[in-house]
mmCIF file of all heavy atoms, coordinates in Angstrom:
data_MODEL
# 
_entry.id   MODEL 
# 
loop_
_atom_site.group_PDB 
_atom_site.id 
_atom_site.type_symbol 
_atom_site.label_atom_id 
_atom_site.label_alt_id 
_atom_site.label_comp_id 
_atom_site.label_asym_id 
_atom_site.label_entity_id 
_atom_site.label_seq_id 
_atom_site.pdbx_PDB_ins_code 
_atom_site.Cartn_x 
_atom_site.Cartn_y 
_atom_site.Cartn_z 
_atom_site.occupancy 
_atom_site.B_iso_or_equiv 
_atom_site.pdbx_formal_charge 
_atom_site.auth_seq_id 
_atom_site.auth_comp_id 
_atom_site.auth_asym_id 
_atom_site.auth_atom_id 
_atom_site.pdbx_PDB_model_num 
ATOM 1   N N   . SER A 1 1  ? -1.796  -4.226  25.720 1.00 0.00 ? 1  SER A N   1 
ATOM 2   C CA  . SER A 1 1  ? -2.786  -3.768  24.765 1.00 0.00 ? 1  SER A CA  1 
ATOM 3   C C   . SER A 1 1  ? -4.190  -4.101  25.226 1.00 0.00 ? 1  SER A C   1 
ATOM 4   O O   . SER A 1 1  ? -4.443  -5.187  25.741 1.00 0.00 ? 1  SER A O   1 
ATOM 5   C CB  . SER A 1 1  ? -2.552  -4.403  23.390 1.00 0.00 ? 1  SER A CB  1 
ATOM 6   O OG  . SER A 1 1  ? -3.598  -4.085  22.504 1.00 0.00 ? 1  SER A OG  1 
ATOM 7   N N   . GLN A 1 2  ? -5.095  -3.185  25.004 1.00 0.00 ? 2  GLN A N   1 
ATOM 8   C CA  . GLN A 1 2  ? -6.503  -3.420  25.316 1.00 0.00 ? 2  GLN A CA  1 
ATOM 9   C C   . GLN A 1 2  ? -7.109  -4.451  24.384 1.00 0.00 ? 2  GLN A C   1 
ATOM 10  O O   . GLN A 1 2  ? -7.985  -5.232  24.778 1.00 0.00 ? 2  GLN A O   1 
ATOM 11  C CB  . GLN A 1 2  ? -7.269  -2.095  25.182 1.00 0.00 ? 2  GLN A CB  1 
ATOM 12  C CG  . GLN A 1 2  ? -8.769  -2.208  25.401 1.00 0.00 ? 2  GLN A CG  1 
ATOM 13  C CD  . GLN A 1 2  ? -9.489  -0.898  25.126 1.00 0.00 ? 2  GLN A CD  1 
ATOM 14  O OE1 . GLN A 1 2  ? -8.866  0.083   24.701 1.00 0.00 ? 2  GLN A OE1 1 
ATOM 15  N NE2 . GLN A 1 2  ? -10.787 -0.874  25.347 1.00 0.00 ? 2  GLN A NE2 1 
ATOM 16  N N   . HIS A 1 3  ? -6.647  -4.486  23.131 1.00 0.00 ? 3  HIS A N   1 
ATOM 17  C CA  . HIS A 1 3  ? -7.277  -5.319  22.103 1.00 0.00 ? 3  HIS A CA  1 
ATOM 18  C C   . HIS A 1 3  ? -6.414  -6.462  21.606 1.00 0.00 ? 3  HIS A C   1 
ATOM 19  O O   . HIS A 1 3  ? -6.830  -7.209  20.722 1.00 0.00 ? 3  HIS A O   1 
ATOM 20  C CB  . HIS A 1 3  ? -7.680  -4.456  20.913 1.00 0.00 ? 3  HIS A CB  1 
ATOM 21  C CG  . HIS A 1 3  ? -8.691  -3.397  21.238 1.00 0.00 ? 3  HIS A CG  1 
ATOM 22  N ND1 . HIS A 1 3  ? -9.775  -3.643  22.055 1.00 0.00 ? 3  HIS A ND1 1 
ATOM 23  C CD2 . HIS A 1 3  ? -8.780  -2.094  20.858 1.00 0.00 ? 3  HIS A CD2 1 
ATOM 24  C CE1 . HIS A 1 3  ? -10.498 -2.535  22.163 1.00 0.00 ? 3  HIS A CE1 1 
ATOM 25  N NE2 . HIS A 1 3  ? -9.919  -1.587  21.461 1.00 0.00 ? 3  HIS A NE2 1 
ATOM 26  N N   . GLY A 1 4  ? -5.182  -6.622  22.139 1.00 0.00 ? 4  GLY A N   1 
ATOM 27  C CA  . GLY A 1 4  ? -4.298  -7.667  21.671 1.00 0.00 ? 4  GLY A CA  1 
ATOM 28  C C   . GLY A 1 4  ? -3.451  -7.218  20.496 1.00 0.00 ? 4  GLY A C   1 
ATOM 29  O O   . GLY A 1 4  ? -3.707  -6.182  19.884 1.00 0.00 ? 4  GLY A O   1 
ATOM 30  N N   . PRO A 1 5  ? -2.411  -8.007  20.132 1.00 0.00 ? 5  PRO A N   1 
ATOM 31  C CA  . PRO A 1 5  ? -1.515  -7.636  19.034 1.00 0.00 ? 5  PRO A CA  1 
ATOM 32  C C   . PRO A 1 5  ? -2.072  -8.049  17.681 1.00 0.00 ? 5  PRO A C   1 
ATOM 33  O O   . PRO A 1 5  ? -3.099  -8.718  17.591 1.00 0.00 ? 5  PRO A O   1 
ATOM 34  C CB  . PRO A 1 5  ? -0.244  -8.414  19.366 1.00 0.00 ? 5  PRO A CB  1 
ATOM 35  C CG  . PRO A 1 5  ? -0.761  -9.660  20.029 1.00 0.00 ? 5  PRO A CG  1 
ATOM 36  C CD  . PRO A 1 5  ? -1.984  -9.251  20.809 1.00 0.00 ? 5  PRO A CD  1 
ATOM 37  N N   . GLY A 1 6  ? -1.359  -7.656  16.598 1.00 0.00 ? 6  GLY A N   1 
ATOM 38  C CA  . GLY A 1 6  ? -1.840  -8.048  15.278 1.00 0.00 ? 6  GLY A CA  1 
ATOM 39  C C   . GLY A 1 6  ? -0.934  -7.669  14.124 1.00 0.00 ? 6  GLY A C   1 
ATOM 40  O O   . GLY A 1 6  ? -1.120  -8.167  13.028 1.00 0.00 ? 6  GLY A O   1 
ATOM 41  N N   . ALA A 1 7  ? 0.035   -6.767  14.323 1.00 0.00 ? 7  ALA A N   1 
ATOM 42  C CA  . ALA A 1 7  ? 0.924   -6.380  13.223 1.00 0.00 ? 7  ALA A CA  1 
ATOM 43  C C   . ALA A 1 7  ? 1.795   -7.561  12.811 1.00 0.00 ? 7  ALA A C   1 
ATOM 44  O O   . ALA A 1 7  ? 2.068   -8.463  13.615 1.00 0.00 ? 7  ALA A O   1 
ATOM 45  C CB  . ALA A 1 7  ? 1.792   -5.196  13.638 1.00 0.00 ? 7  ALA A CB  1 
ATOM 46  N N   . SER A 1 8  ? 2.257   -7.556  11.564 1.00 0.00 ? 8  SER A N   1 
ATOM 47  C CA  . SER A 1 8  ? 2.980   -8.690  11.008 1.00 0.00 ? 8  SER A CA  1 
ATOM 48  C C   . SER A 1 8  ? 4.457   -8.385  10.804 1.00 0.00 ? 8  SER A C   1 
ATOM 49  O O   . SER A 1 8  ? 4.828   -7.252  10.505 1.00 0.00 ? 8  SER A O   1 
ATOM 50  C CB  . SER A 1 8  ? 2.368   -9.100  9.666  1.00 0.00 ? 8  SER A CB  1 
ATOM 51  O OG  . SER A 1 8  ? 1.002   -9.402  9.804  1.00 0.00 ? 8  SER A OG  1 
ATOM 52  N N   . PRO A 1 9  ? 5.315   -9.413  10.909 1.00 0.00 ? 9  PRO A N   1 
ATOM 53  C CA  . PRO A 1 9  ? 6.731   -9.239  10.581 1.00 0.00 ? 9  PRO A CA  1 
ATOM 54  C C   . PRO A 1 9  ? 6.928   -9.190  9.071  1.00 0.00 ? 9  PRO A C   1 
ATOM 55  O O   . PRO A 1 9  ? 6.120   -9.725  8.311  1.00 0.00 ? 9  PRO A O   1 
ATOM 56  C CB  . PRO A 1 9  ? 7.385   -10.492 11.180 1.00 0.00 ? 9  PRO A CB  1 
ATOM 57  C CG  . PRO A 1 9  ? 6.300   -11.529 11.132 1.00 0.00 ? 9  PRO A CG  1 
ATOM 58  C CD  . PRO A 1 9  ? 5.008   -10.789 11.351 1.00 0.00 ? 9  PRO A CD  1 
ATOM 59  N N   . ILE A 1 10 ? 8.010   -8.547  8.626  1.00 0.00 ? 10 ILE A N   1 
ATOM 60  C CA  . ILE A 1 10 ? 8.396   -8.568  7.216  1.00 0.00 ? 10 ILE A CA  1 
ATOM 61  C C   . ILE A 1 10 ? 9.887   -8.853  7.115  1.00 0.00 ? 10 ILE A C   1 
ATOM 62  O O   . ILE A 1 10 ? 10.658  -8.525  8.026  1.00 0.00 ? 10 ILE A O   1 
ATOM 63  C CB  . ILE A 1 10 ? 8.046   -7.257  6.485  1.00 0.00 ? 10 ILE A CB  1 
ATOM 64  C CG1 . ILE A 1 10 ? 8.793   -6.061  7.089  1.00 0.00 ? 10 ILE A CG1 1 
ATOM 65  C CG2 . ILE A 1 10 ? 6.555   -7.009  6.490  1.00 0.00 ? 10 ILE A CG2 1 
ATOM 66  C CD1 . ILE A 1 10 ? 8.656   -4.787  6.266  1.00 0.00 ? 10 ILE A CD1 1 
ATOM 67  N N   . VAL A 1 11 ? 10.295  -9.474  6.026  1.00 0.00 ? 11 VAL A N   1 
ATOM 68  C CA  . VAL A 1 11 ? 11.695  -9.759  5.778  1.00 0.00 ? 11 VAL A CA  1 
ATOM 69  C C   . VAL A 1 11 ? 12.274  -8.633  4.936  1.00 0.00 ? 11 VAL A C   1 
ATOM 70  O O   . VAL A 1 11 ? 11.752  -8.313  3.863  1.00 0.00 ? 11 VAL A O   1 
ATOM 71  C CB  . VAL A 1 11 ? 11.862  -11.116 5.070  1.00 0.00 ? 11 VAL A CB  1 
ATOM 72  C CG1 . VAL A 1 11 ? 13.310  -11.321 4.631  1.00 0.00 ? 11 VAL A CG1 1 
ATOM 73  C CG2 . VAL A 1 11 ? 11.423  -12.247 5.983  1.00 0.00 ? 11 VAL A CG2 1 
ATOM 74  N N   . VAL A 1 12 ? 13.354  -8.016  5.429  1.00 0.00 ? 12 VAL A N   1 
ATOM 75  C CA  . VAL A 1 12 ? 14.018  -6.913  4.731  1.00 0.00 ? 12 VAL A CA  1 
ATOM 76  C C   . VAL A 1 12 ? 15.523  -7.164  4.779  1.00 0.00 ? 12 VAL A C   1 
ATOM 77  O O   . VAL A 1 12 ? 16.128  -7.109  5.855  1.00 0.00 ? 12 VAL A O   1 
ATOM 78  C CB  . VAL A 1 12 ? 13.692  -5.547  5.366  1.00 0.00 ? 12 VAL A CB  1 
ATOM 79  C CG1 . VAL A 1 12 ? 14.399  -4.434  4.601  1.00 0.00 ? 12 VAL A CG1 1 
ATOM 80  C CG2 . VAL A 1 12 ? 12.202  -5.307  5.405  1.00 0.00 ? 12 VAL A CG2 1 
ATOM 81  N N   . GLY A 1 13 ? 16.116  -7.471  3.635  1.00 0.00 ? 13 GLY A N   1 
ATOM 82  C CA  . GLY A 1 13 ? 17.551  -7.743  3.609  1.00 0.00 ? 13 GLY A CA  1 
ATOM 83  C C   . GLY A 1 13 ? 17.901  -8.912  4.502  1.00 0.00 ? 13 GLY A C   1 
ATOM 84  O O   . GLY A 1 13 ? 17.290  -9.986  4.426  1.00 0.00 ? 13 GLY A O   1 
ATOM 85  N N   . GLU A 1 14 ? 18.874  -8.730  5.375  1.00 0.00 ? 14 GLU A N   1 
ATOM 86  C CA  . GLU A 1 14 ? 19.332  -9.800  6.270  1.00 0.00 ? 14 GLU A CA  1 
ATOM 87  C C   . GLU A 1 14 ? 18.538  -9.853  7.570  1.00 0.00 ? 14 GLU A C   1 
ATOM 88  O O   . GLU A 1 14 ? 18.860  -10.657 8.451  1.00 0.00 ? 14 GLU A O   1 
ATOM 89  C CB  . GLU A 1 14 ? 20.823  -9.608  6.594  1.00 0.00 ? 14 GLU A CB  1 
ATOM 90  C CG  . GLU A 1 14 ? 21.737  -9.707  5.383  1.00 0.00 ? 14 GLU A CG  1 
ATOM 91  C CD  . GLU A 1 14 ? 21.569  -11.044 4.664  1.00 0.00 ? 14 GLU A CD  1 
ATOM 92  O OE1 . GLU A 1 14 ? 21.589  -12.084 5.342  1.00 0.00 ? 14 GLU A OE1 1 
ATOM 93  O OE2 . GLU A 1 14 ? 21.414  -11.041 3.432  1.00 0.00 ? 14 GLU A OE2 1 
ATOM 94  N N   . ASN A 1 15 ? 17.501  -9.026  7.686  1.00 0.00 ? 15 ASN A N   1 
ATOM 95  C CA  . ASN A 1 15 ? 16.753  -8.941  8.931  1.00 0.00 ? 15 ASN A CA  1 
ATOM 96  C C   . ASN A 1 15 ? 15.287  -9.286  8.740  1.00 0.00 ? 15 ASN A C   1 
ATOM 97  O O   . ASN A 1 15 ? 14.766  -9.247  7.629  1.00 0.00 ? 15 ASN A O   1 
ATOM 98  C CB  . ASN A 1 15 ? 16.846  -7.519  9.508  1.00 0.00 ? 15 ASN A CB  1 
ATOM 99  C CG  . ASN A 1 15 ? 18.265  -7.095  9.811  1.00 0.00 ? 15 ASN A CG  1 
ATOM 100 O OD1 . ASN A 1 15 ? 19.093  -7.919  10.219 1.00 0.00 ? 15 ASN A OD1 1 
ATOM 101 N ND2 . ASN A 1 15 ? 18.568  -5.834  9.605  1.00 0.00 ? 15 ASN A ND2 1 
ATOM 102 N N   . VAL A 1 16 ? 14.643  -9.611  9.855  1.00 0.00 ? 16 VAL A N   1 
ATOM 103 C CA  . VAL A 1 16 ? 13.187  -9.676  9.905  1.00 0.00 ? 16 VAL A CA  1 
ATOM 104 C C   . VAL A 1 16 ? 12.743  -8.566  10.849 1.00 0.00 ? 16 VAL A C   1 
ATOM 105 O O   . VAL A 1 16 ? 13.274  -8.431  11.960 1.00 0.00 ? 16 VAL A O   1 
ATOM 106 C CB  . VAL A 1 16 ? 12.682  -11.068 10.354 1.00 0.00 ? 16 VAL A CB  1 
ATOM 107 C CG1 . VAL A 1 16 ? 13.271  -11.494 11.680 1.00 0.00 ? 16 VAL A CG1 1 
ATOM 108 C CG2 . VAL A 1 16 ? 11.162  -11.104 10.407 1.00 0.00 ? 16 VAL A CG2 1 
ATOM 109 N N   . VAL A 1 17 ? 11.814  -7.736  10.389 1.00 0.00 ? 17 VAL A N   1 
ATOM 110 C CA  . VAL A 1 17 ? 11.436  -6.512  11.103 1.00 0.00 ? 17 VAL A CA  1 
ATOM 111 C C   . VAL A 1 17 ? 10.038  -6.685  11.673 1.00 0.00 ? 17 VAL A C   1 
ATOM 112 O O   . VAL A 1 17 ? 9.124   -7.153  10.985 1.00 0.00 ? 17 VAL A O   1 
ATOM 113 C CB  . VAL A 1 17 ? 11.494  -5.300  10.166 1.00 0.00 ? 17 VAL A CB  1 
ATOM 114 C CG1 . VAL A 1 17 ? 11.019  -4.039  10.884 1.00 0.00 ? 17 VAL A CG1 1 
ATOM 115 C CG2 . VAL A 1 17 ? 12.909  -5.114  9.625  1.00 0.00 ? 17 VAL A CG2 1 
ATOM 116 N N   . ILE A 1 18 ? 9.855   -6.291  12.942 1.00 0.00 ? 18 ILE A N   1 
ATOM 117 C CA  . ILE A 1 18 ? 8.548   -6.386  13.580 1.00 0.00 ? 18 ILE A CA  1 
ATOM 118 C C   . ILE A 1 18 ? 8.276   -5.112  14.377 1.00 0.00 ? 18 ILE A C   1 
ATOM 119 O O   . ILE A 1 18 ? 9.128   -4.654  15.148 1.00 0.00 ? 18 ILE A O   1 
ATOM 120 C CB  . ILE A 1 18 ? 8.457   -7.628  14.510 1.00 0.00 ? 18 ILE A CB  1 
ATOM 121 C CG1 . ILE A 1 18 ? 7.074   -7.764  15.118 1.00 0.00 ? 18 ILE A CG1 1 
ATOM 122 C CG2 . ILE A 1 18 ? 9.547   -7.606  15.572 1.00 0.00 ? 18 ILE A CG2 1 
ATOM 123 C CD1 . ILE A 1 18 ? 5.996   -8.191  14.180 1.00 0.00 ? 18 ILE A CD1 1 
ATOM 124 N N   . PRO A 1 19 ? 7.123   -4.475  14.186 1.00 0.00 ? 19 PRO A N   1 
ATOM 125 C CA  . PRO A 1 19 ? 6.758   -3.338  15.026 1.00 0.00 ? 19 PRO A CA  1 
ATOM 126 C C   . PRO A 1 19 ? 6.145   -3.818  16.339 1.00 0.00 ? 19 PRO A C   1 
ATOM 127 O O   . PRO A 1 19 ? 5.341   -4.751  16.347 1.00 0.00 ? 19 PRO A O   1 
ATOM 128 C CB  . PRO A 1 19 ? 5.737   -2.587  14.180 1.00 0.00 ? 19 PRO A CB  1 
ATOM 129 C CG  . PRO A 1 19 ? 5.092   -3.646  13.347 1.00 0.00 ? 19 PRO A CG  1 
ATOM 130 C CD  . PRO A 1 19 ? 6.127   -4.725  13.131 1.00 0.00 ? 19 PRO A CD  1 
ATOM 131 N N   . ILE A 1 20 ? 6.518   -3.193  17.424 1.00 0.00 ? 20 ILE A N   1 
ATOM 132 C CA  . ILE A 1 20 ? 5.925   -3.487  18.734 1.00 0.00 ? 20 ILE A CA  1 
ATOM 133 C C   . ILE A 1 20 ? 5.287   -2.184  19.211 1.00 0.00 ? 20 ILE A C   1 
ATOM 134 O O   . ILE A 1 20 ? 5.809   -1.478  20.068 1.00 0.00 ? 20 ILE A O   1 
ATOM 135 C CB  . ILE A 1 20 ? 6.967   -4.020  19.731 1.00 0.00 ? 20 ILE A CB  1 
ATOM 136 C CG1 . ILE A 1 20 ? 7.731   -5.203  19.117 1.00 0.00 ? 20 ILE A CG1 1 
ATOM 137 C CG2 . ILE A 1 20 ? 6.310   -4.453  21.034 1.00 0.00 ? 20 ILE A CG2 1 
ATOM 138 C CD1 . ILE A 1 20 ? 8.867   -5.719  19.982 1.00 0.00 ? 20 ILE A CD1 1 
ATOM 139 N N   . GLU A 1 21 ? 4.160   -1.846  18.592 1.00 0.00 ? 21 GLU A N   1 
ATOM 140 C CA  . GLU A 1 21 ? 3.426   -0.624  18.909 1.00 0.00 ? 21 GLU A CA  1 
ATOM 141 C C   . GLU A 1 21 ? 2.338   -0.992  19.908 1.00 0.00 ? 21 GLU A C   1 
ATOM 142 O O   . GLU A 1 21 ? 1.346   -1.621  19.554 1.00 0.00 ? 21 GLU A O   1 
ATOM 143 C CB  . GLU A 1 21 ? 2.804   -0.048  17.639 1.00 0.00 ? 21 GLU A CB  1 
ATOM 144 C CG  . GLU A 1 21 ? 3.799   0.246   16.523 1.00 0.00 ? 21 GLU A CG  1 
ATOM 145 C CD  . GLU A 1 21 ? 4.371   1.648   16.615 1.00 0.00 ? 21 GLU A CD  1 
ATOM 146 O OE1 . GLU A 1 21 ? 4.110   2.328   17.630 1.00 0.00 ? 21 GLU A OE1 1 
ATOM 147 O OE2 . GLU A 1 21 ? 5.066   2.050   15.664 1.00 0.00 ? 21 GLU A OE2 1 
ATOM 148 N N   . GLN A 1 22 ? 2.523   -0.624  21.173 1.00 0.00 ? 22 GLN A N   1 
ATOM 149 C CA  . GLN A 1 22 ? 1.638   -1.066  22.235 1.00 0.00 ? 22 GLN A CA  1 
ATOM 150 C C   . GLN A 1 22 ? 1.152   0.103   23.080 1.00 0.00 ? 22 GLN A C   1 
ATOM 151 O O   . GLN A 1 22 ? 1.489   1.257   22.813 1.00 0.00 ? 22 GLN A O   1 
ATOM 152 C CB  . GLN A 1 22 ? 2.373   -2.086  23.108 1.00 0.00 ? 22 GLN A CB  1 
ATOM 153 C CG  . GLN A 1 22 ? 3.660   -1.548  23.727 1.00 0.00 ? 22 GLN A CG  1 
ATOM 154 C CD  . GLN A 1 22 ? 4.366   -2.553  24.592 1.00 0.00 ? 22 GLN A CD  1 
ATOM 155 O OE1 . GLN A 1 22 ? 3.756   -3.437  25.178 1.00 0.00 ? 22 GLN A OE1 1 
ATOM 156 N NE2 . GLN A 1 22 ? 5.683   -2.438  24.693 1.00 0.00 ? 22 GLN A NE2 1 
ATOM 157 N N   . ASP A 1 23 ? 0.340   -0.216  24.093 1.00 0.00 ? 23 ASP A N   1 
ATOM 158 C CA  . ASP A 1 23 ? -0.145  0.811   25.021 1.00 0.00 ? 23 ASP A CA  1 
ATOM 159 C C   . ASP A 1 23 ? 0.943   1.081   26.059 1.00 0.00 ? 23 ASP A C   1 
ATOM 160 O O   . ASP A 1 23 ? 0.839   0.717   27.229 1.00 0.00 ? 23 ASP A O   1 
ATOM 161 C CB  . ASP A 1 23 ? -1.427  0.333   25.724 1.00 0.00 ? 23 ASP A CB  1 
ATOM 162 C CG  . ASP A 1 23 ? -2.571  0.117   24.750 1.00 0.00 ? 23 ASP A CG  1 
ATOM 163 O OD1 . ASP A 1 23 ? -2.451  0.517   23.593 1.00 0.00 ? 23 ASP A OD1 1 
ATOM 164 O OD2 . ASP A 1 23 ? -3.583  -0.477  25.168 1.00 0.00 ? 23 ASP A OD2 1 
ATOM 165 N N   . GLY A 1 24 ? 1.993   1.699   25.624 1.00 0.00 ? 24 GLY A N   1 
ATOM 166 C CA  . GLY A 1 24 ? 3.139   1.932   26.489 1.00 0.00 ? 24 GLY A CA  1 
ATOM 167 C C   . GLY A 1 24 ? 4.377   2.138   25.639 1.00 0.00 ? 24 GLY A C   1 
ATOM 168 O O   . GLY A 1 24 ? 4.278   2.379   24.429 1.00 0.00 ? 24 GLY A O   1 
ATOM 169 N N   . PRO A 1 25 ? 5.585   2.054   26.241 1.00 0.00 ? 25 PRO A N   1 
ATOM 170 C CA  . PRO A 1 25 ? 6.818   2.246   25.469 1.00 0.00 ? 25 PRO A CA  1 
ATOM 171 C C   . PRO A 1 25 ? 6.870   1.303   24.267 1.00 0.00 ? 25 PRO A C   1 
ATOM 172 O O   . PRO A 1 25 ? 6.767   0.089   24.415 1.00 0.00 ? 25 PRO A O   1 
ATOM 173 C CB  . PRO A 1 25 ? 7.919   1.928   26.486 1.00 0.00 ? 25 PRO A CB  1 
ATOM 174 C CG  . PRO A 1 25 ? 7.287   2.189   27.820 1.00 0.00 ? 25 PRO A CG  1 
ATOM 175 C CD  . PRO A 1 25 ? 5.851   1.802   27.672 1.00 0.00 ? 25 PRO A CD  1 
ATOM 176 N N   . SER A 1 26 ? 7.008   1.883   23.078 1.00 0.00 ? 26 SER A N   1 
ATOM 177 C CA  . SER A 1 26 ? 6.936   1.102   21.842 1.00 0.00 ? 26 SER A CA  1 
ATOM 178 C C   . SER A 1 26 ? 8.243   1.212   21.079 1.00 0.00 ? 26 SER A C   1 
ATOM 179 O O   . SER A 1 26 ? 9.052   2.115   21.293 1.00 0.00 ? 26 SER A O   1 
ATOM 180 C CB  . SER A 1 26 ? 5.770   1.595   20.978 1.00 0.00 ? 26 SER A CB  1 
ATOM 181 O OG  . SER A 1 26 ? 4.540   1.451   21.651 1.00 0.00 ? 26 SER A OG  1 
ATOM 182 N N   . ARG A 1 27 ? 8.422   0.286   20.136 1.00 0.00 ? 27 ARG A N   1 
ATOM 183 C CA  . ARG A 1 27 ? 9.628   0.286   19.309 1.00 0.00 ? 27 ARG A CA  1 
ATOM 184 C C   . ARG A 1 27 ? 9.390   -0.555  18.066 1.00 0.00 ? 27 ARG A C   1 
ATOM 185 O O   . ARG A 1 27 ? 8.424   -1.325  17.993 1.00 0.00 ? 27 ARG A O   1 
ATOM 186 C CB  . ARG A 1 27 ? 10.824  -0.270  20.094 1.00 0.00 ? 27 ARG A CB  1 
ATOM 187 C CG  . ARG A 1 27 ? 10.591  -1.671  20.664 1.00 0.00 ? 27 ARG A CG  1 
ATOM 188 C CD  . ARG A 1 27 ? 11.764  -2.164  21.472 1.00 0.00 ? 27 ARG A CD  1 
ATOM 189 N NE  . ARG A 1 27 ? 11.482  -3.452  22.108 1.00 0.00 ? 27 ARG A NE  1 
ATOM 190 C CZ  . ARG A 1 27 ? 12.410  -4.363  22.393 1.00 0.00 ? 27 ARG A CZ  1 
ATOM 191 N NH1 . ARG A 1 27 ? 13.672  -4.120  22.088 1.00 0.00 ? 27 ARG A NH1 1 
ATOM 192 N NH2 . ARG A 1 27 ? 12.087  -5.494  22.979 1.00 0.00 ? 27 ARG A NH2 1 
ATOM 193 N N   . ILE A 1 28 ? 10.261  -0.390  17.086 1.00 0.00 ? 28 ILE A N   1 
ATOM 194 C CA  . ILE A 1 28 ? 10.299  -1.275  15.935 1.00 0.00 ? 28 ILE A CA  1 
ATOM 195 C C   . ILE A 1 28 ? 11.662  -1.957  15.962 1.00 0.00 ? 28 ILE A C   1 
ATOM 196 O O   . ILE A 1 28 ? 12.684  -1.306  16.186 1.00 0.00 ? 28 ILE A O   1 
ATOM 197 C CB  . ILE A 1 28 ? 10.035  -0.525  14.618 1.00 0.00 ? 28 ILE A CB  1 
ATOM 198 C CG1 . ILE A 1 28 ? 10.091  -1.492  13.443 1.00 0.00 ? 28 ILE A CG1 1 
ATOM 199 C CG2 . ILE A 1 28 ? 10.962  0.648   14.422 1.00 0.00 ? 28 ILE A CG2 1 
ATOM 200 C CD1 . ILE A 1 28 ? 9.602   -0.883  12.134 1.00 0.00 ? 28 ILE A CD1 1 
ATOM 201 N N   . VAL A 1 29 ? 11.660  -3.271  15.780 1.00 0.00 ? 29 VAL A N   1 
ATOM 202 C CA  . VAL A 1 29 ? 12.857  -4.081  16.024 1.00 0.00 ? 29 VAL A CA  1 
ATOM 203 C C   . VAL A 1 29 ? 13.229  -4.844  14.758 1.00 0.00 ? 29 VAL A C   1 
ATOM 204 O O   . VAL A 1 29 ? 12.368  -5.416  14.088 1.00 0.00 ? 29 VAL A O   1 
ATOM 205 C CB  . VAL A 1 29 ? 12.637  -5.075  17.178 1.00 0.00 ? 29 VAL A CB  1 
ATOM 206 C CG1 . VAL A 1 29 ? 13.866  -5.934  17.415 1.00 0.00 ? 29 VAL A CG1 1 
ATOM 207 C CG2 . VAL A 1 29 ? 12.264  -4.319  18.454 1.00 0.00 ? 29 VAL A CG2 1 
# 
């Protein structure tokens, strides 16, 4: 990333979800 990361994780059911939206191949995990 040109500007660094900043999105936050959230708790949903039995999982914790984090977006990895970057300058390149991205995913939500």
